[in-house]
Amino acid sequence: MSQTSTSSTETASSFGEATLAQYLTDLAAKLPAPGGGAVAALHAAQAAALVAMVARYTTRAKDADNRPVVDRIIAAADAARGRALALADADAAAFTAVGAAYQLPKDTPERLAARTAAINAALVEAARVPAAVVDEADEVLSLATELFPIGNPNVVTDIGAAADACRAAAASSQLNIEINVASLPPGESDGFAAVLVRVDELTARADALHADVVHAVRK
């Protein structure tokens, strides 16, 4: 979150309570947070909201046979939206913690060792949050893909928009994971390798769903 007393998003308890104008003002300001990590999480939240919206438009009488699936998708997408919003807050906190760790004293061997340990722990957390965003984007993309064949065709383009938002969430998270693990000592970054591989797979799936939606619109 923002580091000045006049910041709007700092006075709100979370990104979920900040207005869009307040959030964008802080994002544009010369402040350490919010930044790309929060943006990635909010991409995932928007994707989840779009999927839930399309699902809610797929509750007509003619959709009765698919209602159990649609209801499950609504519940899952709403839950994912809440988790993604929480991750936006967690990212801002993690980024702030990294900065604080780098400010620790290093004038004695003991303090230097404590500072190094604090930095590494903060960097791991700063990578863990975007990795969790990838998890949310992955789930939401799966929901969007499942909904596509049965969703209300009048809002099919919103499924494509959800796929694009999932792609953006994952790709942006990849950048934040990479920059944080790059500063970790050998071995401590190994746990994030699988997540980075999943990002490539996820973006390919998102592109495929986008193409399917374009095909549906054009036919």
C-alpha atoms as a PDB file:
ATOM      1  CA  MET A   1       0.000   0.000   0.000  1.00  0.00           C
ATOM      2  CA  SER A   2       1.009   3.641  -0.080  1.00  0.00           C
ATOM      3  CA  GLN A   3       3.645   5.090   2.186  1.00  0.00           C
ATOM      4  CA  THR A   4       2.279   8.607   2.724  1.00  0.00           C
ATOM      5  CA  SER A   5      -0.362   9.752   5.178  1.00  0.00           C
ATOM      6  CA  THR A   6      -2.341  11.383   2.393  1.00  0.00           C
ATOM      7  CA  SER A   7      -2.688   8.190   0.377  1.00  0.00           C
ATOM      8  CA  SER A   8      -6.261   7.135  -0.243  1.00  0.00           C
ATOM      9  CA  THR A   9      -5.641   3.392  -0.408  1.00  0.00           C
ATOM     10  CA  GLU A  10      -3.701   3.485   2.865  1.00  0.00           C
ATOM     11  CA  THR A  11      -6.755   4.830   4.688  1.00  0.00           C
ATOM     12  CA  ALA A  12      -8.872   2.029   3.239  1.00  0.00           C
ATOM     13  CA  SER A  13      -8.368  -1.316   4.925  1.00  0.00           C
ATOM     14  CA  SER A  14      -7.859  -3.133   1.620  1.00  0.00           C
ATOM     15  CA  PHE A  15      -7.828  -2.748  -2.138  1.00  0.00           C
ATOM     16  CA  GLY A  16     -11.357  -4.115  -2.047  1.00  0.00           C
ATOM     17  CA  GLU A  17     -12.513  -1.040  -0.158  1.00  0.00           C
ATOM     18  CA  ALA A  18     -10.577   1.574  -2.153  1.00  0.00           C
ATOM     19  CA  THR A  19     -12.296   3.364  -5.018  1.00  0.00           C
ATOM     20  CA  LEU A  20     -10.962   2.801  -8.505  1.00  0.00           C
ATOM     21  CA  ALA A  21      -9.893   6.440  -8.716  1.00  0.00           C
ATOM     22  CA  GLN A  22      -8.012   6.171  -5.411  1.00  0.00           C
ATOM     23  CA  TYR A  23      -6.261   3.008  -6.492  1.00  0.00           C
ATOM     24  CA  LEU A  24      -5.176   4.468  -9.834  1.00  0.00           C
ATOM     25  CA  THR A  25      -3.942   7.644  -8.161  1.00  0.00           C
ATOM     26  CA  ASP A  26      -1.703   5.631  -5.864  1.00  0.00           C
ATOM     27  CA  LEU A  27      -0.604   3.381  -8.710  1.00  0.00           C
ATOM     28  CA  ALA A  28       0.497   6.425 -10.726  1.00  0.00           C
ATOM     29  CA  ALA A  29       2.280   8.051  -7.794  1.00  0.00           C
ATOM     30  CA  LYS A  30       5.980   7.832  -6.957  1.00  0.00           C
ATOM     31  CA  LEU A  31       5.327   5.279  -4.213  1.00  0.00           C
ATOM     32  CA  PRO A  32       6.763   1.791  -3.671  1.00  0.00           C
ATOM     33  CA  ALA A  33       3.323   0.185  -3.589  1.00  0.00           C
ATOM     34  CA  PRO A  34       0.912  -0.575  -5.147  1.00  0.00           C
ATOM     35  CA  GLY A  35       2.793  -1.787  -8.183  1.00  0.00           C
ATOM     36  CA  GLY A  36       2.814  -4.584 -10.710  1.00  0.00           C
ATOM     37  CA  GLY A  37       2.157  -7.289  -8.132  1.00  0.00           C
ATOM     38  CA  ALA A  38      -1.075  -5.700  -6.995  1.00  0.00           C
ATOM     39  CA  VAL A  39      -2.044  -5.139 -10.622  1.00  0.00           C
ATOM     40  CA  ALA A  40      -1.530  -8.844 -11.319  1.00  0.00           C
ATOM     41  CA  ALA A  41      -3.740  -9.839  -8.397  1.00  0.00           C
ATOM     42  CA  LEU A  42      -6.447  -7.426  -9.504  1.00  0.00           C
ATOM     43  CA  HIS A  43      -6.291  -8.858 -13.028  1.00  0.00           C
ATOM     44  CA  ALA A  44      -7.136 -12.221 -11.467  1.00  0.00           C
ATOM     45  CA  ALA A  45      -9.936 -10.653  -9.419  1.00  0.00           C
ATOM     46  CA  GLN A  46     -11.421  -9.034 -12.525  1.00  0.00           C
ATOM     47  CA  ALA A  47     -11.206 -12.309 -14.427  1.00  0.00           C
ATOM     48  CA  ALA A  48     -13.089 -14.047 -11.633  1.00  0.00           C
ATOM     49  CA  ALA A  49     -15.731 -11.323 -11.617  1.00  0.00           C
ATOM     50  CA  LEU A  50     -16.224 -11.665 -15.374  1.00  0.00           C
ATOM     51  CA  VAL A  51     -16.649 -15.421 -15.111  1.00  0.00           C
ATOM     52  CA  ALA A  52     -19.176 -15.007 -12.310  1.00  0.00           C
ATOM     53  CA  MET A  53     -21.076 -12.436 -14.345  1.00  0.00           C
ATOM     54  CA  VAL A  54     -21.312 -14.684 -17.419  1.00  0.00           C
ATOM     55  CA  ALA A  55     -22.416 -17.552 -15.205  1.00  0.00           C
ATOM     56  CA  ARG A  56     -25.148 -15.430 -13.629  1.00  0.00           C
ATOM     57  CA  TYR A  57     -26.392 -14.575 -17.116  1.00  0.00           C
ATOM     58  CA  THR A  58     -26.567 -18.335 -17.731  1.00  0.00           C
ATOM     59  CA  THR A  59     -29.413 -18.958 -15.319  1.00  0.00           C
ATOM     60  CA  ARG A  60     -32.286 -18.688 -17.789  1.00  0.00           C
ATOM     61  CA  ALA A  61     -35.022 -21.283 -18.046  1.00  0.00           C
ATOM     62  CA  LYS A  62     -33.273 -22.740 -21.097  1.00  0.00           C
ATOM     63  CA  ASP A  63     -30.130 -23.245 -18.982  1.00  0.00           C
ATOM     64  CA  ALA A  64     -31.868 -25.455 -16.421  1.00  0.00           C
ATOM     65  CA  ASP A  65     -29.958 -28.605 -17.384  1.00  0.00           C
ATOM     66  CA  ASN A  66     -26.654 -26.850 -16.721  1.00  0.00           C
ATOM     67  CA  ARG A  67     -27.747 -25.065 -13.550  1.00  0.00           C
ATOM     68  CA  PRO A  68     -25.753 -27.271 -11.109  1.00  0.00           C
ATOM     69  CA  VAL A  69     -22.549 -26.583 -13.061  1.00  0.00           C
ATOM     70  CA  VAL A  70     -23.337 -22.899 -13.392  1.00  0.00           C
ATOM     71  CA  ASP A  71     -24.075 -22.533  -9.689  1.00  0.00           C
ATOM     72  CA  ARG A  72     -20.784 -24.232  -8.838  1.00  0.00           C
ATOM     73  CA  ILE A  73     -18.906 -21.911 -11.185  1.00  0.00           C
ATOM     74  CA  ILE A  74     -20.555 -18.855  -9.629  1.00  0.00           C
ATOM     75  CA  ALA A  75     -19.549 -19.929  -6.135  1.00  0.00           C
ATOM     76  CA  ALA A  76     -15.994 -20.796  -7.184  1.00  0.00           C
ATOM     77  CA  ALA A  77     -15.502 -17.569  -9.136  1.00  0.00           C
ATOM     78  CA  ASP A  78     -16.817 -15.423  -6.278  1.00  0.00           C
ATOM     79  CA  ALA A  79     -14.440 -17.161  -3.870  1.00  0.00           C
ATOM     80  CA  ALA A  80     -11.509 -16.696  -6.244  1.00  0.00           C
ATOM     81  CA  ARG A  81     -12.307 -12.997  -6.554  1.00  0.00           C
ATOM     82  CA  GLY A  82     -12.116 -12.602  -2.780  1.00  0.00           C
ATOM     83  CA  ARG A  83      -8.820 -14.467  -2.569  1.00  0.00           C
ATOM     84  CA  ALA A  84      -7.318 -12.417  -5.392  1.00  0.00           C
ATOM     85  CA  LEU A  85      -8.277  -9.163  -3.676  1.00  0.00           C
ATOM     86  CA  ALA A  86      -6.599 -10.392  -0.503  1.00  0.00           C
ATOM     87  CA  LEU A  87      -3.474 -11.195  -2.528  1.00  0.00           C
ATOM     88  CA  ALA A  88      -3.348  -7.612  -3.781  1.00  0.00           C
ATOM     89  CA  ASP A  89      -3.099  -6.499  -0.150  1.00  0.00           C
ATOM     90  CA  ALA A  90      -0.570  -9.239   0.600  1.00  0.00           C
ATOM     91  CA  ASP A  91       1.614  -8.155  -2.304  1.00  0.00           C
ATOM     92  CA  ALA A  92       1.755  -4.570  -1.092  1.00  0.00           C
ATOM     93  CA  ALA A  93       2.677  -5.786   2.403  1.00  0.00           C
ATOM     94  CA  ALA A  94       5.328  -8.150   1.051  1.00  0.00           C
ATOM     95  CA  PHE A  95       6.935  -5.445  -1.065  1.00  0.00           C
ATOM     96  CA  THR A  96       7.035  -3.111   1.930  1.00  0.00           C
ATOM     97  CA  ALA A  97       8.666  -5.859   4.010  1.00  0.00           C
ATOM     98  CA  VAL A  98      11.418  -6.304   1.433  1.00  0.00           C
ATOM     99  CA  GLY A  99      12.228  -2.612   1.592  1.00  0.00           C
ATOM    100  CA  ALA A 100      12.263  -2.680   5.372  1.00  0.00           C
ATOM    101  CA  ALA A 101      14.627  -5.669   5.403  1.00  0.00           C
ATOM    102  CA  TYR A 102      17.123  -3.866   3.188  1.00  0.00           C
ATOM    103  CA  GLN A 103      17.108  -0.966   5.659  1.00  0.00           C
ATOM    104  CA  LEU A 104      18.244  -3.126   8.582  1.00  0.00           C
ATOM    105  CA  PRO A 105      21.695  -2.341  10.022  1.00  0.00           C
ATOM    106  CA  LYS A 106      24.724  -4.305   8.866  1.00  0.00           C
ATOM    107  CA  ASP A 107      27.495  -2.724  10.921  1.00  0.00           C
ATOM    108  CA  THR A 108      28.437  -5.933  12.770  1.00  0.00           C
ATOM    109  CA  PRO A 109      28.699  -9.541  11.574  1.00  0.00           C
ATOM    110  CA  GLU A 110      25.700 -10.481  13.698  1.00  0.00           C
ATOM    111  CA  ARG A 111      23.573  -7.665  12.328  1.00  0.00           C
ATOM    112  CA  LEU A 112      24.695  -8.412   8.791  1.00  0.00           C
ATOM    113  CA  ALA A 113      23.675 -12.045   9.200  1.00  0.00           C
ATOM    114  CA  ALA A 114      20.296 -11.046  10.641  1.00  0.00           C
ATOM    115  CA  ARG A 115      19.780  -8.578   7.804  1.00  0.00           C
ATOM    116  CA  THR A 116      20.626 -11.197   5.190  1.00  0.00           C
ATOM    117  CA  ALA A 117      18.215 -13.682   6.741  1.00  0.00           C
ATOM    118  CA  ALA A 118      15.478 -11.059   6.896  1.00  0.00           C
ATOM    119  CA  ILE A 119      16.032 -10.086   3.264  1.00  0.00           C
ATOM    120  CA  ASN A 120      15.873 -13.684   2.081  1.00  0.00           C
ATOM    121  CA  ALA A 121      12.704 -14.366   4.072  1.00  0.00           C
ATOM    122  CA  ALA A 122      11.075 -11.223   2.698  1.00  0.00           C
ATOM    123  CA  LEU A 123      12.058 -12.109  -0.867  1.00  0.00           C
ATOM    124  CA  VAL A 124      10.587 -15.596  -0.501  1.00  0.00           C
ATOM    125  CA  GLU A 125       7.304 -14.093   0.692  1.00  0.00           C
ATOM    126  CA  ALA A 126       7.407 -11.517  -2.097  1.00  0.00           C
ATOM    127  CA  ALA A 127       7.692 -14.389  -4.593  1.00  0.00           C
ATOM    128  CA  ARG A 128       5.123 -16.554  -2.798  1.00  0.00           C
ATOM    129  CA  VAL A 129       2.361 -13.988  -3.235  1.00  0.00           C
ATOM    130  CA  PRO A 130       2.565 -13.762  -7.051  1.00  0.00           C
ATOM    131  CA  ALA A 131       2.873 -17.547  -7.140  1.00  0.00           C
ATOM    132  CA  ALA A 132      -0.473 -17.665  -5.334  1.00  0.00           C
ATOM    133  CA  VAL A 133      -1.856 -15.230  -7.906  1.00  0.00           C
ATOM    134  CA  VAL A 134      -0.848 -17.716 -10.601  1.00  0.00           C
ATOM    135  CA  ASP A 135      -2.860 -20.354  -8.722  1.00  0.00           C
ATOM    136  CA  GLU A 136      -5.924 -18.113  -8.743  1.00  0.00           C
ATOM    137  CA  ALA A 137      -5.511 -17.242 -12.425  1.00  0.00           C
ATOM    138  CA  ASP A 138      -5.175 -20.936 -13.226  1.00  0.00           C
ATOM    139  CA  GLU A 139      -8.396 -21.799 -11.404  1.00  0.00           C
ATOM    140  CA  VAL A 140     -10.346 -18.928 -12.914  1.00  0.00           C
ATOM    141  CA  LEU A 141      -9.145 -19.810 -16.405  1.00  0.00           C
ATOM    142  CA  SER A 142     -10.318 -23.391 -15.859  1.00  0.00           C
ATOM    143  CA  LEU A 143     -13.723 -22.074 -14.780  1.00  0.00           C
ATOM    144  CA  ALA A 144     -13.908 -19.845 -17.850  1.00  0.00           C
ATOM    145  CA  THR A 145     -13.004 -22.749 -20.114  1.00  0.00           C
ATOM    146  CA  GLU A 146     -15.652 -24.943 -18.514  1.00  0.00           C
ATOM    147  CA  LEU A 147     -18.272 -22.220 -18.824  1.00  0.00           C
ATOM    148  CA  PHE A 148     -17.542 -21.333 -22.442  1.00  0.00           C
ATOM    149  CA  PRO A 149     -19.515 -24.147 -24.139  1.00  0.00           C
ATOM    150  CA  ILE A 150     -22.614 -23.614 -21.990  1.00  0.00           C
ATOM    151  CA  GLY A 151     -22.452 -19.901 -21.221  1.00  0.00           C
ATOM    152  CA  ASN A 152     -24.993 -17.389 -22.449  1.00  0.00           C
ATOM    153  CA  PRO A 153     -23.796 -16.550 -25.983  1.00  0.00           C
ATOM    154  CA  ASN A 154     -24.887 -12.939 -25.563  1.00  0.00           C
ATOM    155  CA  VAL A 155     -21.967 -12.393 -23.159  1.00  0.00           C
ATOM    156  CA  VAL A 156     -19.469 -14.828 -24.654  1.00  0.00           C
ATOM    157  CA  THR A 157     -16.940 -12.056 -25.280  1.00  0.00           C
ATOM    158  CA  ASP A 158     -16.668 -11.586 -21.527  1.00  0.00           C
ATOM    159  CA  ILE A 159     -15.306 -15.117 -21.288  1.00  0.00           C
ATOM    160  CA  GLY A 160     -12.612 -14.030 -23.715  1.00  0.00           C
ATOM    161  CA  ALA A 161     -11.949 -10.952 -21.624  1.00  0.00           C
ATOM    162  CA  ALA A 162     -11.654 -13.180 -18.548  1.00  0.00           C
ATOM    163  CA  ALA A 163      -9.126 -15.356 -20.354  1.00  0.00           C
ATOM    164  CA  ASP A 164      -7.106 -12.270 -21.273  1.00  0.00           C
ATOM    165  CA  ALA A 165      -7.190 -11.055 -17.660  1.00  0.00           C
ATOM    166  CA  CYS A 166      -6.001 -14.468 -16.458  1.00  0.00           C
ATOM    167  CA  ARG A 167      -3.159 -14.316 -18.940  1.00  0.00           C
ATOM    168  CA  ALA A 168      -2.187 -10.842 -17.753  1.00  0.00           C
ATOM    169  CA  ALA A 169      -2.345 -11.940 -14.117  1.00  0.00           C
ATOM    170  CA  ALA A 170      -0.046 -14.884 -14.755  1.00  0.00           C
ATOM    171  CA  ALA A 171       2.409 -13.067 -17.007  1.00  0.00           C
ATOM    172  CA  SER A 172       2.718 -10.135 -14.614  1.00  0.00           C
ATOM    173  CA  SER A 173       3.151 -12.508 -11.681  1.00  0.00           C
ATOM    174  CA  GLN A 174       5.937 -14.253 -13.571  1.00  0.00           C
ATOM    175  CA  LEU A 175       7.871 -10.981 -13.667  1.00  0.00           C
ATOM    176  CA  ASN A 176       7.479 -10.484  -9.927  1.00  0.00           C
ATOM    177  CA  ILE A 177       8.498 -14.044  -9.127  1.00  0.00           C
ATOM    178  CA  GLU A 178      11.551 -13.819 -11.374  1.00  0.00           C
ATOM    179  CA  ILE A 179      12.859 -10.570  -9.911  1.00  0.00           C
ATOM    180  CA  ASN A 180      12.488 -11.756  -6.316  1.00  0.00           C
ATOM    181  CA  VAL A 181      13.982 -15.225  -6.725  1.00  0.00           C
ATOM    182  CA  ALA A 182      16.898 -13.779  -8.729  1.00  0.00           C
ATOM    183  CA  SER A 183      18.224 -12.256  -5.496  1.00  0.00           C
ATOM    184  CA  LEU A 184      17.874 -15.440  -3.446  1.00  0.00           C
ATOM    185  CA  PRO A 185      20.843 -17.722  -2.747  1.00  0.00           C
ATOM    186  CA  PRO A 186      21.076 -20.979  -4.742  1.00  0.00           C
ATOM    187  CA  GLY A 187      18.540 -23.540  -3.609  1.00  0.00           C
ATOM    188  CA  GLU A 188      16.047 -21.151  -2.041  1.00  0.00           C
ATOM    189  CA  SER A 189      14.458 -20.329  -5.383  1.00  0.00           C
ATOM    190  CA  ASP A 190      14.003 -23.940  -6.507  1.00  0.00           C
ATOM    191  CA  GLY A 191      10.481 -24.144  -5.157  1.00  0.00           C
ATOM    192  CA  PHE A 192       9.267 -21.574  -7.673  1.00  0.00           C
ATOM    193  CA  ALA A 193      10.507 -23.338 -10.805  1.00  0.00           C
ATOM    194  CA  ALA A 194       7.299 -25.328 -11.261  1.00  0.00           C
ATOM    195  CA  VAL A 195       5.179 -22.196 -10.968  1.00  0.00           C
ATOM    196  CA  LEU A 196       7.163 -20.498 -13.711  1.00  0.00           C
ATOM    197  CA  VAL A 197       6.623 -23.481 -15.998  1.00  0.00           C
ATOM    198  CA  ARG A 198       2.901 -23.335 -15.268  1.00  0.00           C
ATOM    199  CA  VAL A 199       2.819 -19.698 -16.352  1.00  0.00           C
ATOM    200  CA  ASP A 200       3.848 -20.696 -19.880  1.00  0.00           C
ATOM    201  CA  GLU A 201       1.183 -23.398 -19.948  1.00  0.00           C
ATOM    202  CA  LEU A 202      -1.452 -21.038 -18.567  1.00  0.00           C
ATOM    203  CA  THR A 203      -0.768 -18.310 -21.093  1.00  0.00           C
ATOM    204  CA  ALA A 204      -1.075 -20.844 -23.916  1.00  0.00           C
ATOM    205  CA  ARG A 205      -4.440 -21.998 -22.550  1.00  0.00           C
ATOM    206  CA  ALA A 206      -5.625 -18.407 -22.212  1.00  0.00           C
ATOM    207  CA  ASP A 207      -4.633 -17.645 -25.792  1.00  0.00           C
ATOM    208  CA  ALA A 208      -6.477 -20.760 -26.967  1.00  0.00           C
ATOM    209  CA  LEU A 209      -9.663 -19.773 -25.143  1.00  0.00           C
ATOM    210  CA  HIS A 210      -9.420 -16.239 -26.534  1.00  0.00           C
ATOM    211  CA  ALA A 211      -9.141 -17.718 -30.034  1.00  0.00           C
ATOM    212  CA  ASP A 212     -12.158 -19.960 -29.401  1.00  0.00           C
ATOM    213  CA  VAL A 213     -14.218 -16.952 -28.351  1.00  0.00           C
ATOM    214  CA  VAL A 214     -13.158 -14.989 -31.424  1.00  0.00           C
ATOM    215  CA  HIS A 215     -14.168 -17.958 -33.584  1.00  0.00           C
ATOM    216  CA  ALA A 216     -17.557 -18.133 -31.843  1.00  0.00           C
ATOM    217  CA  VAL A 217     -18.178 -14.442 -32.440  1.00  0.00           C
ATOM    218  CA  ARG A 218     -17.218 -14.582 -36.114  1.00  0.00           C
ATOM    219  CA  LYS A 219     -19.149 -17.688 -37.136  1.00  0.00           C
END
